[in-house]
C-alpha cells in the first residue's frame, strides 16, 4: 500500500503553538492536528511512500510499536481526507 498527500499548493498549513491548522482547499475543511500529522504531510509532500519508506523518511525506528502508531495516524489522516492510498 502506498500513501500519498495532496500537493502542498492544496494545503494551507499554519503552526499554532503545539497544534497545527491545516486548511484543505479541495474539501474546504480546516483540521487542527498535532504531531506527527504535519511531519507526515511534509514527508509525503516529497513523494508517495509505502510504510517502510515513510518510516525511513521520518527517521523512525522500524519496530512493531512504531509501525502500529504510524498506521493509526495514517488511517486517521485517510478518514479526514489528508492522505489517500493506492
N, C-alpha and C. Protein backbone atom coordinates (compact mmCIF):
# COMPACT_ATOMS: atom_id res chain seq x y z
N UNK A 1 0.84 -1.17 0.00
CA UNK A 1 0.00 0.00 0.00
C UNK A 1 0.89 1.24 0.00
N UNK A 2 0.57 2.17 -0.90
CA UNK A 2 1.33 3.42 -0.99
C UNK A 2 0.45 4.57 -0.51
N UNK A 3 1.07 5.44 0.27
CA UNK A 3 0.36 6.60 0.82
C UNK A 3 0.76 7.83 0.03
N UNK A 4 -0.21 8.75 -0.15
CA UNK A 4 0.09 10.00 -0.86
C UNK A 4 -0.71 11.12 -0.22
N UNK A 5 -0.17 12.32 -0.30
CA UNK A 5 -0.86 13.52 0.16
C UNK A 5 -1.07 14.44 -1.03
N UNK A 6 -2.05 15.32 -0.93
CA UNK A 6 -2.25 16.32 -1.97
C UNK A 6 -1.02 17.22 -2.05
N UNK A 7 -0.80 17.84 -3.20
CA UNK A 7 0.32 18.79 -3.33
C UNK A 7 0.18 19.91 -2.30
N UNK A 8 1.30 20.44 -1.87
CA UNK A 8 1.29 21.49 -0.85
C UNK A 8 0.48 22.71 -1.28
N UNK A 9 0.33 22.93 -2.58
CA UNK A 9 -0.47 24.06 -3.07
C UNK A 9 -1.94 23.93 -2.68
N UNK A 10 -2.39 22.70 -2.38
CA UNK A 10 -3.78 22.49 -1.98
C UNK A 10 -3.97 22.53 -0.47
N UNK A 11 -2.88 22.76 0.27
CA UNK A 11 -2.94 22.81 1.72
C UNK A 11 -2.41 24.15 2.21
N UNK A 12 -3.05 24.69 3.20
CA UNK A 12 -2.53 25.89 3.88
C UNK A 12 -2.24 25.44 5.30
N UNK A 13 -0.96 25.44 5.68
CA UNK A 13 -0.53 24.93 6.97
C UNK A 13 -0.03 26.09 7.82
N UNK A 14 -0.60 26.21 9.03
CA UNK A 14 -0.22 27.28 9.95
C UNK A 14 0.04 26.68 11.32
N UNK A 15 1.26 26.86 11.84
CA UNK A 15 1.61 26.37 13.17
C UNK A 15 0.96 27.26 14.22
N UNK A 16 0.33 26.64 15.21
CA UNK A 16 -0.33 27.34 16.31
C UNK A 16 0.16 26.74 17.63
N UNK A 17 1.31 27.15 18.09
CA UNK A 17 1.92 26.58 19.29
C UNK A 17 2.06 25.07 19.12
N UNK A 18 1.37 24.28 19.97
CA UNK A 18 1.54 22.83 19.91
C UNK A 18 0.63 22.16 18.88
N UNK A 19 -0.28 22.92 18.29
CA UNK A 19 -1.16 22.39 17.25
C UNK A 19 -0.84 23.03 15.91
N UNK A 20 -1.34 22.44 14.87
CA UNK A 20 -1.19 22.99 13.52
C UNK A 20 -2.56 23.01 12.85
N UNK A 21 -2.89 24.14 12.24
CA UNK A 21 -4.13 24.24 11.46
C UNK A 21 -3.79 23.93 10.01
N UNK A 22 -4.57 23.06 9.42
CA UNK A 22 -4.37 22.69 8.02
C UNK A 22 -5.69 22.94 7.29
N UNK A 23 -5.66 23.88 6.36
CA UNK A 23 -6.82 24.14 5.51
C UNK A 23 -6.63 23.34 4.23
N UNK A 24 -7.57 22.46 3.96
CA UNK A 24 -7.54 21.58 2.79
C UNK A 24 -8.43 22.21 1.73
N UNK A 25 -7.80 22.87 0.76
CA UNK A 25 -8.54 23.66 -0.22
C UNK A 25 -9.56 22.84 -1.00
N UNK A 26 -9.21 21.62 -1.35
CA UNK A 26 -10.11 20.80 -2.18
C UNK A 26 -11.42 20.49 -1.46
N UNK A 27 -11.34 20.20 -0.16
CA UNK A 27 -12.56 19.86 0.59
C UNK A 27 -13.18 21.07 1.28
N UNK A 28 -12.39 22.14 1.44
CA UNK A 28 -12.87 23.31 2.15
C UNK A 28 -12.88 23.14 3.65
N UNK A 29 -12.25 22.08 4.14
CA UNK A 29 -12.22 21.80 5.57
C UNK A 29 -10.92 22.29 6.20
N UNK A 30 -11.03 22.69 7.46
CA UNK A 30 -9.86 23.04 8.25
C UNK A 30 -9.72 22.00 9.36
N UNK A 31 -8.51 21.51 9.55
CA UNK A 31 -8.24 20.49 10.56
C UNK A 31 -7.23 21.05 11.55
N UNK A 32 -7.47 20.83 12.84
CA UNK A 32 -6.48 21.13 13.87
C UNK A 32 -5.83 19.81 14.24
N UNK A 33 -4.53 19.73 14.06
CA UNK A 33 -3.82 18.47 14.26
C UNK A 33 -2.60 18.68 15.15
N UNK A 34 -2.11 17.59 15.69
CA UNK A 34 -0.89 17.60 16.50
C UNK A 34 0.15 16.74 15.81
N UNK A 35 1.36 16.76 16.35
CA UNK A 35 2.41 15.90 15.83
C UNK A 35 1.92 14.46 15.87
N UNK A 36 2.26 13.64 14.95
CA UNK A 36 3.18 13.81 13.83
C UNK A 36 2.50 14.12 12.50
N UNK A 37 1.23 14.57 12.53
CA UNK A 37 0.50 14.79 11.28
C UNK A 37 1.21 15.77 10.35
N UNK A 38 1.64 16.95 10.82
CA UNK A 38 2.33 17.87 9.90
C UNK A 38 3.62 17.28 9.33
N UNK A 39 4.32 16.51 10.16
CA UNK A 39 5.56 15.90 9.71
C UNK A 39 5.29 14.84 8.65
N UNK A 40 4.23 14.07 8.83
CA UNK A 40 3.87 13.05 7.84
C UNK A 40 3.51 13.72 6.52
N UNK A 41 2.71 14.79 6.58
CA UNK A 41 2.35 15.50 5.35
C UNK A 41 3.58 16.07 4.65
N UNK A 42 4.51 16.60 5.43
CA UNK A 42 5.73 17.17 4.84
C UNK A 42 6.53 16.09 4.12
N UNK A 43 6.64 14.93 4.74
CA UNK A 43 7.39 13.83 4.14
C UNK A 43 6.68 13.32 2.89
N UNK A 44 5.36 13.20 2.94
CA UNK A 44 4.62 12.75 1.76
C UNK A 44 4.62 13.80 0.67
N UNK A 45 4.89 15.04 1.03
CA UNK A 45 5.00 16.10 0.04
C UNK A 45 6.15 15.88 -0.92
N UNK A 46 7.14 15.09 -0.49
CA UNK A 46 8.27 14.80 -1.37
C UNK A 46 8.03 13.57 -2.23
N UNK A 47 6.84 12.98 -2.12
CA UNK A 47 6.51 11.83 -2.96
C UNK A 47 5.78 10.74 -2.20
N UNK A 48 5.05 9.93 -2.95
CA UNK A 48 4.33 8.80 -2.36
C UNK A 48 5.30 7.88 -1.65
N UNK A 49 4.78 7.12 -0.68
CA UNK A 49 5.65 6.20 0.04
C UNK A 49 4.84 5.05 0.61
N UNK A 50 5.46 3.88 0.65
CA UNK A 50 4.85 2.79 1.40
C UNK A 50 5.26 2.98 2.87
N UNK A 51 4.78 2.12 3.74
CA UNK A 51 5.01 2.29 5.17
C UNK A 51 6.50 2.27 5.52
N UNK A 52 7.24 1.33 4.96
CA UNK A 52 8.68 1.24 5.26
C UNK A 52 9.43 2.49 4.82
N UNK A 53 9.12 2.98 3.64
CA UNK A 53 9.78 4.18 3.14
C UNK A 53 9.41 5.40 3.98
N UNK A 54 8.16 5.46 4.40
CA UNK A 54 7.71 6.57 5.24
C UNK A 54 8.43 6.55 6.59
N UNK A 55 8.57 5.38 7.18
CA UNK A 55 9.31 5.26 8.44
C UNK A 55 10.75 5.73 8.25
N UNK A 56 11.36 5.34 7.15
CA UNK A 56 12.74 5.76 6.89
C UNK A 56 12.83 7.27 6.70
N UNK A 57 11.92 7.86 5.92
CA UNK A 57 11.94 9.31 5.69
C UNK A 57 11.70 10.10 6.98
N UNK A 58 10.88 9.55 7.88
CA UNK A 58 10.62 10.21 9.16
C UNK A 58 11.73 9.95 10.18
N UNK A 59 12.70 9.13 9.78
CA UNK A 59 13.84 8.77 10.63
C UNK A 59 13.38 8.14 11.94
N UNK A 60 12.45 7.18 11.82
CA UNK A 60 11.93 6.45 12.97
C UNK A 60 12.53 5.05 12.99
N UNK A 61 12.50 4.43 14.18
CA UNK A 61 12.92 3.04 14.29
C UNK A 61 11.81 2.16 13.72
N UNK A 62 12.19 1.18 12.92
CA UNK A 62 11.21 0.29 12.30
C UNK A 62 10.93 -0.88 13.24
N UNK A 63 10.11 -0.60 14.25
CA UNK A 63 9.71 -1.61 15.23
C UNK A 63 8.18 -1.69 15.24
N UNK A 64 7.64 -2.82 15.71
CA UNK A 64 6.18 -3.01 15.65
C UNK A 64 5.36 -1.88 16.29
N UNK A 65 5.79 -1.37 17.45
CA UNK A 65 5.02 -0.30 18.10
C UNK A 65 4.97 0.97 17.25
N UNK A 66 6.10 1.31 16.63
CA UNK A 66 6.16 2.49 15.76
C UNK A 66 5.28 2.27 14.54
N UNK A 67 5.37 1.09 13.94
CA UNK A 67 4.54 0.78 12.77
C UNK A 67 3.06 0.90 13.11
N UNK A 68 2.65 0.33 14.25
CA UNK A 68 1.24 0.38 14.65
C UNK A 68 0.77 1.81 14.86
N UNK A 69 1.57 2.61 15.55
CA UNK A 69 1.20 4.01 15.82
C UNK A 69 1.11 4.80 14.52
N UNK A 70 2.05 4.57 13.61
CA UNK A 70 2.05 5.28 12.34
C UNK A 70 0.85 4.88 11.48
N UNK A 71 0.52 3.61 11.48
CA UNK A 71 -0.66 3.14 10.73
C UNK A 71 -1.92 3.79 11.29
N UNK A 72 -2.02 3.90 12.62
CA UNK A 72 -3.18 4.56 13.23
C UNK A 72 -3.30 6.00 12.76
N UNK A 73 -2.18 6.74 12.78
CA UNK A 73 -2.22 8.14 12.33
C UNK A 73 -2.59 8.22 10.86
N UNK A 74 -2.01 7.35 10.04
CA UNK A 74 -2.32 7.36 8.61
C UNK A 74 -3.80 7.05 8.36
N UNK A 75 -4.35 6.09 9.10
CA UNK A 75 -5.77 5.77 8.96
C UNK A 75 -6.64 6.97 9.32
N UNK A 76 -6.25 7.71 10.37
CA UNK A 76 -6.98 8.92 10.74
C UNK A 76 -6.88 9.97 9.64
N UNK A 77 -5.70 10.11 9.07
CA UNK A 77 -5.48 11.09 8.01
C UNK A 77 -6.25 10.71 6.74
N UNK A 78 -6.37 9.42 6.47
CA UNK A 78 -7.17 8.95 5.34
C UNK A 78 -8.64 9.29 5.60
N UNK A 79 -9.10 9.05 6.82
CA UNK A 79 -10.51 9.28 7.17
C UNK A 79 -10.92 10.75 6.99
N UNK A 80 -9.99 11.68 7.23
CA UNK A 80 -10.33 13.10 7.09
C UNK A 80 -9.91 13.68 5.74
N UNK A 81 -9.35 12.83 4.88
CA UNK A 81 -9.06 13.24 3.52
C UNK A 81 -7.71 13.90 3.28
N UNK A 82 -6.82 13.86 4.27
CA UNK A 82 -5.50 14.46 4.08
C UNK A 82 -4.52 13.53 3.37
N UNK A 83 -4.80 12.23 3.43
CA UNK A 83 -3.93 11.22 2.81
C UNK A 83 -4.82 10.25 2.05
N UNK A 84 -4.31 9.73 0.94
CA UNK A 84 -5.01 8.68 0.20
C UNK A 84 -4.06 7.52 -0.02
N UNK A 85 -4.61 6.39 -0.43
CA UNK A 85 -3.79 5.20 -0.65
C UNK A 85 -4.00 4.67 -2.05
N UNK A 86 -3.00 3.94 -2.52
CA UNK A 86 -3.13 3.27 -3.81
C UNK A 86 -2.53 1.88 -3.71
